[in-house]
Protein backbone atom coordinates (compact mmCIF):
# COMPACT_ATOMS: atom_id res chain seq x y z
CA MET A 1 -22.41 -115.42 -54.67
CA SER A 2 -21.42 -118.31 -52.50
CA ASN A 3 -20.89 -116.27 -49.35
CA GLY A 4 -24.51 -115.19 -49.42
CA ARG A 5 -23.70 -111.51 -49.92
CA HIS A 6 -25.32 -109.57 -52.73
CA THR A 7 -23.13 -107.27 -54.70
CA PRO A 8 -25.37 -104.82 -56.63
CA TYR A 9 -22.75 -103.86 -59.18
CA PRO A 10 -20.29 -106.73 -59.54
CA ASN A 11 -18.88 -105.69 -62.76
CA LEU A 12 -19.52 -101.93 -62.66
CA ILE A 13 -15.91 -100.88 -63.45
CA SER A 14 -15.55 -103.38 -66.29
CA GLU A 15 -18.91 -102.24 -67.74
CA LEU A 16 -17.90 -98.59 -67.31
CA TRP A 17 -14.70 -98.97 -69.21
CA MET A 18 -16.49 -100.69 -72.09
CA MET A 19 -18.80 -97.67 -72.42
CA VAL A 20 -16.07 -95.11 -72.63
CA ASP A 21 -14.45 -94.35 -76.01
CA ALA A 22 -12.79 -91.14 -75.11
CA PRO A 23 -9.83 -90.97 -72.71
CA ILE A 24 -10.42 -91.44 -68.99
CA LEU A 25 -8.54 -89.07 -66.78
CA MET A 26 -7.63 -90.41 -63.34
CA THR A 27 -5.74 -88.65 -60.59
CA SER A 28 -3.76 -89.60 -57.56
CA PHE A 29 -1.99 -87.39 -55.07
CA GLN A 30 1.28 -87.10 -53.26
CA PRO A 31 1.29 -88.07 -49.57
CA TRP A 32 0.07 -85.10 -47.60
CA ARG A 33 0.98 -86.00 -44.04
CA ALA A 34 4.58 -86.08 -42.84
CA HIS A 35 4.34 -89.73 -41.66
CA GLN A 36 2.91 -91.09 -44.87
CA VAL A 37 5.30 -92.85 -47.26
CA GLU A 38 2.62 -93.17 -50.03
CA ASN A 39 -0.84 -92.00 -50.87
CA SER A 40 -3.40 -94.86 -51.11
CA SER A 41 -4.87 -93.47 -54.38
CA ASN A 42 -1.46 -93.61 -56.00
CA VAL A 43 -0.85 -97.10 -54.65
CA LEU A 44 -4.21 -98.29 -55.94
CA LEU A 45 -3.81 -96.85 -59.51
CA ALA A 46 -0.29 -98.08 -59.76
CA GLY A 47 -1.46 -101.60 -58.88
CA LEU A 48 -4.26 -101.41 -61.40
CA ALA A 49 -1.82 -100.22 -64.07
CA ARG A 50 0.64 -102.96 -63.29
CA ALA A 51 -2.14 -105.56 -63.50
CA GLY A 52 -3.30 -104.24 -66.83
CA ALA A 53 -6.68 -103.38 -65.30
CA LEU A 54 -6.84 -99.89 -66.57
CA PRO A 55 -8.24 -99.24 -70.12
CA PRO A 56 -5.62 -98.34 -72.65
CA ASN A 57 -7.06 -94.86 -73.10
CA THR A 58 -6.48 -93.98 -69.49
CA VAL A 59 -4.53 -90.70 -68.64
CA TRP A 60 -3.15 -90.97 -65.15
CA LEU A 61 -2.01 -87.85 -63.34
CA SER A 62 0.28 -89.48 -60.81
CA GLU A 63 1.09 -87.94 -57.45
CA LEU A 64 -0.55 -84.51 -57.96
CA VAL A 65 0.77 -81.99 -55.52
CA VAL A 66 -1.58 -81.48 -52.60
CA ASN A 67 -2.28 -77.75 -53.21
CA PHE A 68 -5.71 -76.17 -53.61
CA GLU A 69 -4.41 -73.91 -56.44
CA LEU A 70 -1.88 -76.05 -58.33
CA ALA A 71 -3.69 -79.41 -58.40
CA PRO A 72 -6.97 -78.13 -59.99
CA ALA A 73 -4.88 -76.12 -62.46
CA ARG A 74 -2.99 -79.21 -63.55
CA VAL A 75 -6.21 -81.24 -63.82
CA ILE A 76 -7.99 -78.57 -65.78
CA ASN A 77 -5.02 -78.26 -68.12
CA GLN A 78 -5.07 -82.06 -68.83
CA ILE A 79 -8.79 -82.00 -69.40
CA CYS A 80 -8.22 -79.35 -72.04
CA VAL A 81 -5.45 -81.40 -73.58
CA HIS A 82 -7.08 -84.78 -73.61
CA ARG A 83 -10.82 -84.01 -73.63
CA PRO A 84 -11.72 -87.03 -71.44
CA GLN A 85 -15.22 -88.34 -71.31
CA LEU A 86 -14.75 -89.30 -67.65
CA VAL A 87 -12.57 -87.72 -64.86
CA ILE A 88 -12.06 -89.65 -61.65
CA CYS A 89 -10.33 -87.63 -58.85
C-alpha cells in the first residue's frame, strides 16, 4: 500500500463471499438508547445493500428488537428457515 500500512486481510470480505454457496444471515438491531436515531449496524448493512456489496444470497434481518428473548428467537427461526452457512450478528 502506498501509505506504508500493511493490511493483513485486504480482501477478506470479498473472499469470504466467494466461498459461501448457502445463504448468509446478517442481523442489525433497532436503536437501543433513547437519544439514538439509528443503529450503526443497520446503517452499515443498508449502505452495503444500496451499494450492491452484499452477495445475492444474503438474508438480512433488519432492525431486530433489542430484547434478550425475542431477538434470539427470531434469529433461530430464520436459521431454521434459510439454513445459512454463515451467520453474522
